[in-house]
């Protein structure tokens, strides 16, 4: 995935985590919703000025937009893990427990 797409994906991830819709955020940073959509989909890079506005509204440092890797890791990893586990039935929870116990007993 190219940097433009990774940046857009990261902005979208943070926006959603912070509870903003594209419409809310675009209004607060004074750009068209279609422009924000273009940024988030990786069709084009935002200007530094727009990136700063997005960061300010979302309450994050600019560097947060560039913390991406080839592995998709949620913004709030603890919350995501809890959500995954909570949505499992009892049998799956028992399997998860056994897997985690076995995995972490070898780590020390």
PDB file of N, CA and C in Angstrom:
ATOM      1  N   UNK A   1       0.850  -1.174   0.000  1.00  0.00           N
ATOM      2  CA  UNK A   1       0.000   0.000   0.000  1.00  0.00           C
ATOM      3  C   UNK A   1       0.897   1.239   0.000  1.00  0.00           C
ATOM      4  N   UNK A   2       0.565   2.227  -0.808  1.00  0.00           N
ATOM      5  CA  UNK A   2       1.412   3.413  -0.871  1.00  0.00           C
ATOM      6  C   UNK A   2       1.140   4.362   0.297  1.00  0.00           C
ATOM      7  N   UNK A   3       2.039   5.303   0.493  1.00  0.00           N
ATOM      8  CA  UNK A   3       1.952   6.215   1.637  1.00  0.00           C
ATOM      9  C   UNK A   3       0.685   7.059   1.643  1.00  0.00           C
ATOM     10  N   UNK A   4       0.216   7.429   0.474  1.00  0.00           N
ATOM     11  CA  UNK A   4      -1.004   8.223   0.384  1.00  0.00           C
ATOM     12  C   UNK A   4      -2.189   7.443   0.953  1.00  0.00           C
ATOM     13  N   UNK A   5      -2.287   6.184   0.600  1.00  0.00           N
ATOM     14  CA  UNK A   5      -3.371   5.342   1.098  1.00  0.00           C
ATOM     15  C   UNK A   5      -3.201   5.048   2.588  1.00  0.00           C
ATOM     16  N   UNK A   6      -1.964   4.810   3.017  1.00  0.00           N
ATOM     17  CA  UNK A   6      -1.706   4.548   4.433  1.00  0.00           C
ATOM     18  C   UNK A   6      -2.053   5.760   5.289  1.00  0.00           C
ATOM     19  N   UNK A   7      -1.676   6.948   4.823  1.00  0.00           N
ATOM     20  CA  UNK A   7      -1.997   8.174   5.544  1.00  0.00           C
ATOM     21  C   UNK A   7      -3.508   8.359   5.635  1.00  0.00           C
ATOM     22  N   UNK A   8      -4.189   8.195   4.521  1.00  0.00           N
ATOM     23  CA  UNK A   8      -5.641   8.347   4.515  1.00  0.00           C
ATOM     24  C   UNK A   8      -6.325   7.355   5.429  1.00  0.00           C
ATOM     25  N   UNK A   9      -5.852   6.124   5.398  1.00  0.00           N
ATOM     26  CA  UNK A   9      -6.433   5.081   6.245  1.00  0.00           C
ATOM     27  C   UNK A   9      -6.227   5.414   7.721  1.00  0.00           C
ATOM     28  N   UNK A  10      -5.052   5.942   8.040  1.00  0.00           N
ATOM     29  CA  UNK A  10      -4.746   6.289   9.428  1.00  0.00           C
ATOM     30  C   UNK A  10      -5.603   7.461   9.907  1.00  0.00           C
ATOM     31  N   UNK A  11      -5.784   8.462   9.063  1.00  0.00           N
ATOM     32  CA  UNK A  11      -6.644   9.597   9.425  1.00  0.00           C
ATOM     33  C   UNK A  11      -8.066   9.106   9.675  1.00  0.00           C
ATOM     34  N   UNK A  12      -8.558   8.251   8.803  1.00  0.00           N
ATOM     35  CA  UNK A  12      -9.911   7.705   8.958  1.00  0.00           C
ATOM     36  C   UNK A  12     -10.032   6.910  10.253  1.00  0.00           C
ATOM     37  N   UNK A  13      -9.024   6.101  10.549  1.00  0.00           N
ATOM     38  CA  UNK A  13      -9.038   5.288  11.758  1.00  0.00           C
ATOM     39  C   UNK A  13      -9.119   6.170  13.004  1.00  0.00           C
ATOM     40  N   UNK A  14      -8.310   7.211  13.050  1.00  0.00           N
ATOM     41  CA  UNK A  14      -8.301   8.113  14.207  1.00  0.00           C
ATOM     42  C   UNK A  14      -9.612   8.887  14.278  1.00  0.00           C
ATOM     43  N   UNK A  15     -10.099   9.360  13.122  1.00  0.00           N
ATOM     44  CA  UNK A  15     -11.369  10.092  13.094  1.00  0.00           C
ATOM     45  C   UNK A  15     -12.493   9.263  13.675  1.00  0.00           C
ATOM     46  N   UNK A  16     -12.588   8.012  13.238  1.00  0.00           N
ATOM     47  CA  UNK A  16     -13.657   7.138  13.727  1.00  0.00           C
ATOM     48  C   UNK A  16     -13.495   6.852  15.222  1.00  0.00           C
ATOM     49  N   UNK A  17     -12.255   6.610  15.652  1.00  0.00           N
ATOM     50  CA  UNK A  17     -11.995   6.339  17.061  1.00  0.00           C
ATOM     51  C   UNK A  17     -12.412   7.521  17.930  1.00  0.00           C
ATOM     52  N   UNK A  18     -12.209   8.727  17.420  1.00  0.00           N
ATOM     53  CA  UNK A  18     -12.559   9.934  18.172  1.00  0.00           C
ATOM     54  C   UNK A  18     -14.043  10.279  18.058  1.00  0.00           C
ATOM     55  N   UNK A  19     -14.792   9.508  17.264  1.00  0.00           N
ATOM     56  CA  UNK A  19     -16.242   9.674  17.190  1.00  0.00           C
ATOM     57  C   UNK A  19     -16.730  10.729  16.219  1.00  0.00           C
ATOM     58  N   UNK A  20     -15.928  11.081  15.234  1.00  0.00           N
ATOM     59  CA  UNK A  20     -16.324  12.074  14.240  1.00  0.00           C
ATOM     60  C   UNK A  20     -16.784  11.393  12.958  1.00  0.00           C
ATOM     61  N   UNK A  21     -17.791  11.962  12.321  1.00  0.00           N
ATOM     62  CA  UNK A  21     -18.160  11.544  10.973  1.00  0.00           C
ATOM     63  C   UNK A  21     -17.338  12.388  10.004  1.00  0.00           C
ATOM     64  N   UNK A  22     -17.306  11.991   8.754  1.00  0.00           N
ATOM     65  CA  UNK A  22     -16.626  12.810   7.752  1.00  0.00           C
ATOM     66  C   UNK A  22     -17.272  14.193   7.676  1.00  0.00           C
ATOM     67  N   UNK A  23     -18.581  14.220   7.779  1.00  0.00           N
ATOM     68  CA  UNK A  23     -19.297  15.488   7.695  1.00  0.00           C
ATOM     69  C   UNK A  23     -18.908  16.414   8.856  1.00  0.00           C
ATOM     70  N   UNK A  24     -18.887  15.869  10.102  1.00  0.00           N
ATOM     71  CA  UNK A  24     -18.506  16.673  11.270  1.00  0.00           C
ATOM     72  C   UNK A  24     -17.112  17.252  11.098  1.00  0.00           C
ATOM     73  N   UNK A  25     -16.174  16.368  10.789  1.00  0.00           N
ATOM     74  CA  UNK A  25     -14.783  16.779  10.714  1.00  0.00           C
ATOM     75  C   UNK A  25     -14.552  17.772   9.583  1.00  0.00           C
ATOM     76  N   UNK A  26     -15.116  17.503   8.421  1.00  0.00           N
ATOM     77  CA  UNK A  26     -14.898  18.406   7.290  1.00  0.00           C
ATOM     78  C   UNK A  26     -15.463  19.800   7.591  1.00  0.00           C
ATOM     79  N   UNK A  27     -16.581  19.858   8.280  1.00  0.00           N
ATOM     80  CA  UNK A  27     -17.154  21.150   8.646  1.00  0.00           C
ATOM     81  C   UNK A  27     -16.229  21.899   9.617  1.00  0.00           C
ATOM     82  N   UNK A  28     -15.690  21.177  10.600  1.00  0.00           N
ATOM     83  CA  UNK A  28     -14.828  21.804  11.598  1.00  0.00           C
ATOM     84  C   UNK A  28     -13.484  22.271  11.038  1.00  0.00           C
ATOM     85  N   UNK A  29     -13.010  21.621   9.981  1.00  0.00           N
ATOM     86  CA  UNK A  29     -11.730  22.035   9.392  1.00  0.00           C
ATOM     87  C   UNK A  29     -11.939  22.861   8.124  1.00  0.00           C
ATOM     88  N   UNK A  30     -13.202  23.110   7.802  1.00  0.00           N
ATOM     89  CA  UNK A  30     -13.567  23.990   6.699  1.00  0.00           C
ATOM     90  C   UNK A  30     -13.089  23.496   5.336  1.00  0.00           C
ATOM     91  N   UNK A  31     -13.362  22.199   5.068  1.00  0.00           N
ATOM     92  CA  UNK A  31     -13.154  21.666   3.722  1.00  0.00           C
ATOM     93  C   UNK A  31     -14.404  20.886   3.330  1.00  0.00           C
ATOM     94  N   UNK A  32     -14.548  20.602   2.062  1.00  0.00           N
ATOM     95  CA  UNK A  32     -15.690  19.826   1.579  1.00  0.00           C
ATOM     96  C   UNK A  32     -15.582  18.375   2.063  1.00  0.00           C
ATOM     97  N   UNK A  33     -16.709  17.762   2.327  1.00  0.00           N
ATOM     98  CA  UNK A  33     -16.725  16.355   2.732  1.00  0.00           C
ATOM     99  C   UNK A  33     -16.083  15.488   1.661  1.00  0.00           C
ATOM    100  N   UNK A  34     -16.306  15.834   0.402  1.00  0.00           N
ATOM    101  CA  UNK A  34     -15.706  15.066  -0.693  1.00  0.00           C
ATOM    102  C   UNK A  34     -14.181  15.169  -0.672  1.00  0.00           C
ATOM    103  N   UNK A  35     -13.652  16.292  -0.222  1.00  0.00           N
ATOM    104  CA  UNK A  35     -12.197  16.453  -0.111  1.00  0.00           C
ATOM    105  C   UNK A  35     -11.647  15.556   0.995  1.00  0.00           C
ATOM    106  N   UNK A  36     -12.336  15.524   2.133  1.00  0.00           N
ATOM    107  CA  UNK A  36     -11.906  14.645   3.226  1.00  0.00           C
ATOM    108  C   UNK A  36     -12.005  13.191   2.794  1.00  0.00           C
ATOM    109  N   UNK A  37     -13.047  12.851   2.080  1.00  0.00           N
ATOM    110  CA  UNK A  37     -13.196  11.495   1.559  1.00  0.00           C
ATOM    111  C   UNK A  37     -12.029  11.144   0.637  1.00  0.00           C
ATOM    112  N   UNK A  38     -11.622  12.087  -0.192  1.00  0.00           N
ATOM    113  CA  UNK A  38     -10.492  11.872  -1.088  1.00  0.00           C
ATOM    114  C   UNK A  38      -9.193  11.655  -0.340  1.00  0.00           C
ATOM    115  N   UNK A  39      -9.024  12.377   0.763  1.00  0.00           N
ATOM    116  CA  UNK A  39      -7.835  12.202   1.601  1.00  0.00           C
ATOM    117  C   UNK A  39      -7.858  10.820   2.241  1.00  0.00           C
ATOM    118  N   UNK A  40      -8.990  10.470   2.845  1.00  0.00           N
ATOM    119  CA  UNK A  40      -9.091   9.191   3.562  1.00  0.00           C
ATOM    120  C   UNK A  40      -9.008   7.988   2.633  1.00  0.00           C
ATOM    121  N   UNK A  41      -9.422   8.140   1.410  1.00  0.00           N
ATOM    122  CA  UNK A  41      -9.349   7.021   0.469  1.00  0.00           C
ATOM    123  C   UNK A  41      -7.988   6.935  -0.217  1.00  0.00           C
ATOM    124  N   UNK A  42      -7.139   7.933   0.028  1.00  0.00           N
ATOM    125  CA  UNK A  42      -5.808   7.913  -0.556  1.00  0.00           C
ATOM    126  C   UNK A  42      -5.750   8.400  -1.988  1.00  0.00           C
ATOM    127  N   UNK A  43      -6.779   9.102  -2.438  1.00  0.00           N
ATOM    128  CA  UNK A  43      -6.751   9.632  -3.798  1.00  0.00           C
ATOM    129  C   UNK A  43      -5.789  10.809  -3.913  1.00  0.00           C
ATOM    130  N   UNK A  44      -5.632  11.550  -2.791  1.00  0.00           N
ATOM    131  CA  UNK A  44      -4.664  12.643  -2.811  1.00  0.00           C
ATOM    132  C   UNK A  44      -4.178  12.972  -1.409  1.00  0.00           C
ATOM    133  N   UNK A  45      -3.002  13.614  -1.354  1.00  0.00           N
ATOM    134  CA  UNK A  45      -2.418  14.045  -0.089  1.00  0.00           C
ATOM    135  C   UNK A  45      -3.077  15.345   0.373  1.00  0.00           C
ATOM    136  N   UNK A  46      -3.283  15.480   1.678  1.00  0.00           N
ATOM    137  CA  UNK A  46      -3.746  16.776   2.184  1.00  0.00           C
ATOM    138  C   UNK A  46      -2.559  17.737   2.279  1.00  0.00           C
ATOM    139  N   UNK A  47      -2.831  19.023   2.266  1.00  0.00           N
ATOM    140  CA  UNK A  47      -1.765  19.999   2.503  1.00  0.00           C
ATOM    141  C   UNK A  47      -1.373  19.935   3.978  1.00  0.00           C
ATOM    142  N   UNK A  48      -0.222  20.469   4.301  1.00  0.00           N
ATOM    143  CA  UNK A  48       0.211  20.509   5.693  1.00  0.00           C
ATOM    144  C   UNK A  48      -0.769  21.316   6.526  1.00  0.00           C
ATOM    145  N   UNK A  49      -1.288  22.379   5.953  1.00  0.00           N
ATOM    146  CA  UNK A  49      -2.274  23.214   6.651  1.00  0.00           C
ATOM    147  C   UNK A  49      -3.515  22.402   7.029  1.00  0.00           C
ATOM    148  N   UNK A  50      -4.010  21.613   6.108  1.00  0.00           N
ATOM    149  CA  UNK A  50      -5.190  20.773   6.376  1.00  0.00           C
ATOM    150  C   UNK A  50      -4.846  19.685   7.398  1.00  0.00           C
ATOM    151  N   UNK A  51      -3.670  19.087   7.269  1.00  0.00           N
ATOM    152  CA  UNK A  51      -3.250  18.075   8.245  1.00  0.00           C
ATOM    153  C   UNK A  51      -3.203  18.656   9.653  1.00  0.00           C
ATOM    154  N   UNK A  52      -2.686  19.865   9.778  1.00  0.00           N
ATOM    155  CA  UNK A  52      -2.635  20.523  11.089  1.00  0.00           C
ATOM    156  C   UNK A  52      -4.035  20.769  11.640  1.00  0.00           C
ATOM    157  N   UNK A  53      -4.946  21.192  10.787  1.00  0.00           N
ATOM    158  CA  UNK A  53      -6.326  21.419  11.223  1.00  0.00           C
ATOM    159  C   UNK A  53      -6.971  20.111  11.702  1.00  0.00           C
ATOM    160  N   UNK A  54      -6.762  19.041  10.942  1.00  0.00           N
ATOM    161  CA  UNK A  54      -7.318  17.735  11.318  1.00  0.00           C
ATOM    162  C   UNK A  54      -6.747  17.303  12.668  1.00  0.00           C
ATOM    163  N   UNK A  55      -5.439  17.428  12.832  1.00  0.00           N
ATOM    164  CA  UNK A  55      -4.788  17.036  14.085  1.00  0.00           C
ATOM    165  C   UNK A  55      -5.336  17.837  15.260  1.00  0.00           C
ATOM    166  N   UNK A  56      -5.497  19.142  15.069  1.00  0.00           N
ATOM    167  CA  UNK A  56      -6.016  19.991  16.143  1.00  0.00           C
ATOM    168  C   UNK A  56      -7.426  19.592  16.558  1.00  0.00           C
ATOM    169  N   UNK A  57      -8.291  19.382  15.578  1.00  0.00           N
ATOM    170  CA  UNK A  57      -9.677  19.007  15.883  1.00  0.00           C
ATOM    171  C   UNK A  57      -9.743  17.632  16.549  1.00  0.00           C
ATOM    172  N   UNK A  58      -8.934  16.699  16.068  1.00  0.00           N
ATOM    173  CA  UNK A  58      -8.948  15.346  16.635  1.00  0.00           C
ATOM    174  C   UNK A  58      -8.150  15.246  17.930  1.00  0.00           C
ATOM    175  N   UNK A  59      -7.396  16.289  18.258  1.00  0.00           N
ATOM    176  CA  UNK A  59      -6.636  16.301  19.501  1.00  0.00           C
ATOM    177  C   UNK A  59      -5.447  15.356  19.501  1.00  0.00           C
ATOM    178  N   UNK A  60      -4.765  15.258  18.358  1.00  0.00           N
ATOM    179  CA  UNK A  60      -3.588  14.392  18.254  1.00  0.00           C
ATOM    180  C   UNK A  60      -2.420  15.190  17.685  1.00  0.00           C
ATOM    181  N   UNK A  61      -1.216  14.684  17.910  1.00  0.00           N
ATOM    182  CA  UNK A  61      -0.021  15.270  17.304  1.00  0.00           C
ATOM    183  C   UNK A  61       0.038  14.831  15.837  1.00  0.00           C
ATOM    184  N   UNK A  62       0.630  15.647  15.003  1.00  0.00           N
ATOM    185  CA  UNK A  62       0.754  15.312  13.578  1.00  0.00           C
ATOM    186  C   UNK A  62       1.402  13.951  13.355  1.00  0.00           C
ATOM    187  N   UNK A  63       2.360  13.628  14.184  1.00  0.00           N
ATOM    188  CA  UNK A  63       3.092  12.369  14.016  1.00  0.00           C
ATOM    189  C   UNK A  63       2.171  11.154  14.087  1.00  0.00           C
ATOM    190  N   UNK A  64       1.051  11.269  14.784  1.00  0.00           N
ATOM    191  CA  UNK A  64       0.111  10.148  14.902  1.00  0.00           C
ATOM    192  C   UNK A  64      -0.411   9.695  13.541  1.00  0.00           C
ATOM    193  N   UNK A  65      -0.504  10.614  12.604  1.00  0.00           N
ATOM    194  CA  UNK A  65      -0.998  10.266  11.270  1.00  0.00           C
ATOM    195  C   UNK A  65      -0.010   9.396  10.493  1.00  0.00           C
ATOM    196  N   UNK A  66       1.230   9.394  10.929  1.00  0.00           N
ATOM    197  CA  UNK A  66       2.262   8.669  10.202  1.00  0.00           C
ATOM    198  C   UNK A  66       2.731   7.415  10.927  1.00  0.00           C
ATOM    199  N   UNK A  67       2.012   7.043  11.962  1.00  0.00           N
ATOM    200  CA  UNK A  67       2.326   5.820  12.698  1.00  0.00           C
ATOM    201  C   UNK A  67       1.538   4.670  12.094  1.00  0.00           C
ATOM    202  N   UNK A  68       1.998   4.237  10.947  1.00  0.00           N
ATOM    203  CA  UNK A  68       1.352   3.104  10.310  1.00  0.00           C
ATOM    204  C   UNK A  68       2.413   2.095   9.917  1.00  0.00           C
ATOM    205  N   UNK A  69       1.952   0.880   9.799  1.00  0.00           N
ATOM    206  CA  UNK A  69       2.845  -0.202   9.399  1.00  0.00           C
ATOM    207  C   UNK A  69       2.077  -1.102   8.454  1.00  0.00           C
ATOM    208  N   UNK A  70       2.728  -2.151   8.020  1.00  0.00           N
ATOM    209  CA  UNK A  70       2.054  -3.065   7.100  1.00  0.00           C
ATOM    210  C   UNK A  70       0.988  -3.891   7.807  1.00  0.00           C
ATOM    211  N   UNK A  71       1.053  -3.946   9.131  1.00  0.00           N
ATOM    212  CA  UNK A  71       0.057  -4.682   9.912  1.00  0.00           C
ATOM    213  C   UNK A  71      -0.947  -3.672  10.457  1.00  0.00           C
ATOM    214  N   UNK A  72      -2.220  -3.928  10.244  1.00  0.00           N
ATOM    215  CA  UNK A  72      -3.255  -3.037  10.748  1.00  0.00           C
ATOM    216  C   UNK A  72      -3.438  -3.259  12.240  1.00  0.00           C
ATOM    217  N   UNK A  73      -3.068  -2.259  13.035  1.00  0.00           N
ATOM    218  CA  UNK A  73      -3.251  -2.321  14.479  1.00  0.00           C
ATOM    219  C   UNK A  73      -4.220  -1.215  14.859  1.00  0.00           C
ATOM    220  N   UNK A  74      -5.289  -1.555  15.558  1.00  0.00           N
ATOM    221  CA  UNK A  74      -6.262  -0.537  15.947  1.00  0.00           C
ATOM    222  C   UNK A  74      -5.643   0.544  16.822  1.00  0.00           C
ATOM    223  N   UNK A  75      -6.251   1.727  16.813  1.00  0.00           N
ATOM    224  CA  UNK A  75      -5.778   2.828  17.640  1.00  0.00           C
ATOM    225  C   UNK A  75      -5.793   2.422  19.111  1.00  0.00           C
ATOM    226  N   UNK A  76      -6.877   1.834  19.567  1.00  0.00           N
ATOM    227  CA  UNK A  76      -7.000   1.403  20.956  1.00  0.00           C
ATOM    228  C   UNK A  76      -6.995  -0.123  20.981  1.00  0.00           C
ATOM    229  N   UNK A  77      -5.813  -0.679  21.032  1.00  0.00           N
ATOM    230  CA  UNK A  77      -5.644  -2.125  20.937  1.00  0.00           C
ATOM    231  C   UNK A  77      -6.337  -2.860  22.081  1.00  0.00           C
ATOM    232  N   UNK A  78      -6.210  -2.344  23.312  1.00  0.00           N
ATOM    233  CA  UNK A  78      -6.850  -2.997  24.462  1.00  0.00           C
ATOM    234  C   UNK A  78      -8.369  -3.089  24.266  1.00  0.00           C
ATOM    235  N   UNK A  79      -8.957  -1.979  23.854  1.00  0.00           N
ATOM    236  CA  UNK A  79     -10.405  -1.938  23.638  1.00  0.00           C
ATOM    237  C   UNK A  79     -10.824  -2.926  22.547  1.00  0.00           C
ATOM    238  N   UNK A  80     -10.049  -2.988  21.474  1.00  0.00           N
ATOM    239  CA  UNK A  80     -10.375  -3.892  20.365  1.00  0.00           C
ATOM    240  C   UNK A  80     -10.284  -5.355  20.798  1.00  0.00           C
ATOM    241  N   UNK A  81      -9.260  -5.686  21.575  1.00  0.00           N
ATOM    242  CA  UNK A  81      -9.118  -7.065  22.068  1.00  0.00           C
ATOM    243  C   UNK A  81     -10.299  -7.433  22.951  1.00  0.00           C
ATOM    244  N   UNK A  82     -10.667  -6.537  23.844  1.00  0.00           N
ATOM    245  CA  UNK A  82     -11.816  -6.784  24.734  1.00  0.00           C
ATOM    246  C   UNK A  82     -13.084  -6.970  23.919  1.00  0.00           C
ATOM    247  N   UNK A  83     -13.301  -6.124  22.905  1.00  0.00           N
ATOM    248  CA  UNK A  83     -14.492  -6.245  22.054  1.00  0.00           C
ATOM    249  C   UNK A  83     -14.540  -7.594  21.346  1.00  0.00           C
ATOM    250  N   UNK A  84     -13.394  -8.021  20.833  1.00  0.00           N
ATOM    251  CA  UNK A  84     -13.345  -9.306  20.135  1.00  0.00           C
ATOM    252  C   UNK A  84     -13.740 -10.436  21.087  1.00  0.00           C
ATOM    253  N   UNK A  85     -13.152 -10.421  22.262  1.00  0.00           N
ATOM    254  CA  UNK A  85     -13.430 -11.490  23.237  1.00  0.00           C
ATOM    255  C   UNK A  85     -14.881 -11.442  23.718  1.00  0.00           C
ATOM    256  N   UNK A  86     -15.379 -10.251  24.020  1.00  0.00           N
ATOM    257  CA  UNK A  86     -16.754 -10.127  24.517  1.00  0.00           C
ATOM    258  C   UNK A  86     -17.789 -10.641  23.527  1.00  0.00           C
ATOM    259  N   UNK A  87     -17.472 -10.584  22.254  1.00  0.00           N
ATOM    260  CA  UNK A  87     -18.427 -11.000  21.227  1.00  0.00           C
ATOM    261  C   UNK A  87     -18.360 -12.489  20.888  1.00  0.00           C
ATOM    262  N   UNK A  88     -17.620 -13.242  21.676  1.00  0.00           N
ATOM    263  CA  UNK A  88     -17.502 -14.680  21.441  1.00  0.00           C
ATOM    264  C   UNK A  88     -18.440 -15.455  22.361  1.00  0.00           C
ATOM    265  N   UNK A  89     -18.805 -16.660  21.933  1.00  0.00           N
ATOM    266  CA  UNK A  89     -19.610 -17.517  22.804  1.00  0.00           C
ATOM    267  C   UNK A  89     -18.687 -18.179  23.837  1.00  0.00           C
ATOM    268  N   UNK A  90     -19.280 -18.879  24.795  1.00  0.00           N
ATOM    269  CA  UNK A  90     -18.519 -19.457  25.905  1.00  0.00           C
ATOM    270  C   UNK A  90     -17.441 -20.423  25.420  1.00  0.00           C
ATOM    271  N   UNK A  91     -17.766 -21.259  24.437  1.00  0.00           N
ATOM    272  CA  UNK A  91     -16.789 -22.223  23.928  1.00  0.00           C
ATOM    273  C   UNK A  91     -15.571 -21.518  23.321  1.00  0.00           C
ATOM    274  N   UNK A  92     -15.813 -20.478  22.537  1.00  0.00           N
ATOM    275  CA  UNK A  92     -14.710 -19.737  21.939  1.00  0.00           C
ATOM    276  C   UNK A  92     -13.879 -19.021  22.995  1.00  0.00           C
ATOM    277  N   UNK A  93     -14.545 -18.505  24.026  1.00  0.00           N
ATOM    278  CA  UNK A  93     -13.817 -17.851  25.108  1.00  0.00           C
ATOM    279  C   UNK A  93     -12.895 -18.837  25.820  1.00  0.00           C
ATOM    280  N   UNK A  94     -13.351 -20.061  25.973  1.00  0.00           N
ATOM    281  CA  UNK A  94     -12.506 -21.074  26.607  1.00  0.00           C
ATOM    282  C   UNK A  94     -11.285 -21.378  25.731  1.00  0.00           C
ATOM    283  N   UNK A  95     -11.487 -21.433  24.430  1.00  0.00           N
ATOM    284  CA  UNK A  95     -10.379 -21.671  23.500  1.00  0.00           C
ATOM    285  C   UNK A  95      -9.392 -20.503  23.566  1.00  0.00           C
ATOM    286  N   UNK A  96      -9.915 -19.289  23.558  1.00  0.00           N
ATOM    287  CA  UNK A  96      -9.055 -18.098  23.641  1.00  0.00           C
ATOM    288  C   UNK A  96      -8.245 -18.130  24.934  1.00  0.00           C
ATOM    289  N   UNK A  97      -8.896 -18.480  26.028  1.00  0.00           N
ATOM    290  CA  UNK A  97      -8.216 -18.559  27.324  1.00  0.00           C
ATOM    291  C   UNK A  97      -7.071 -19.570  27.274  1.00  0.00           C
ATOM    292  N   UNK A  98      -7.344 -20.729  26.722  1.00  0.00           N
ATOM    293  CA  UNK A  98      -6.312 -21.772  26.645  1.00  0.00           C
ATOM    294  C   UNK A  98      -5.154 -21.330  25.753  1.00  0.00           C
ATOM    295  N   UNK A  99      -5.464 -20.695  24.629  1.00  0.00           N
ATOM    296  CA  UNK A  99      -4.419 -20.215  23.724  1.00  0.00           C
ATOM    297  C   UNK A  99      -3.545 -19.152  24.394  1.00  0.00           C
ATOM    298  N   UNK A 100      -4.189 -18.208  25.059  1.00  0.00           N
ATOM    299  CA  UNK A 100      -3.444 -17.149  25.723  1.00  0.00           C
ATOM    300  C   UNK A 100      -2.598 -17.697  26.862  1.00  0.00           C
ATOM    301  N   UNK A 101      -3.182 -18.595  27.639  1.00  0.00           N
ATOM    302  CA  UNK A 101      -2.440 -19.199  28.748  1.00  0.00           C
ATOM    303  C   UNK A 101      -1.217 -19.936  28.241  1.00  0.00           C
ATOM    304  N   UNK A 102      -1.398 -20.717  27.176  1.00  0.00           N
ATOM    305  CA  UNK A 102      -0.285 -21.464  26.609  1.00  0.00           C
ATOM    306  C   UNK A 102       0.770 -20.521  26.006  1.00  0.00           C
ATOM    307  N   UNK A 103       0.330 -19.510  25.296  1.00  0.00           N
ATOM    308  CA  UNK A 103       1.266 -18.586  24.649  1.00  0.00           C
ATOM    309  C   UNK A 103       2.099 -17.821  25.664  1.00  0.00           C
ATOM    310  N   UNK A 104       1.460 -17.345  26.708  1.00  0.00           N
ATOM    311  CA  UNK A 104       2.180 -16.511  27.658  1.00  0.00           C
ATOM    312  C   UNK A 104       2.943 -17.295  28.716  1.00  0.00           C
ATOM    313  N   UNK A 105       2.633 -18.580  28.865  1.00  0.00           N
ATOM    314  CA  UNK A 105       3.405 -19.384  29.819  1.00  0.00           C
ATOM    315  C   UNK A 105       4.799 -19.666  29.246  1.00  0.00           C
ATOM    316  N   UNK A 106       4.928 -19.638  27.919  1.00  0.00           N
ATOM    317  CA  UNK A 106       6.230 -19.875  27.299  1.00  0.00           C
ATOM    318  C   UNK A 106       7.085 -18.617  27.271  1.00  0.00           C
ATOM    319  N   UNK A 107       6.457 -17.455  27.417  1.00  0.00           N
ATOM    320  CA  UNK A 107       7.201 -16.191  27.382  1.00  0.00           C
ATOM    321  C   UNK A 107       7.915 -15.954  28.707  1.00  0.00           C
ATOM    322  N   UNK A 108       7.305 -16.384  29.766  1.00  0.00           N
ATOM    323  CA  UNK A 108       7.993 -16.286  31.041  1.00  0.00           C
ATOM    324  C   UNK A 108       7.378 -15.345  31.953  1.00  0.00           C
TER     325      UNK A 108
END
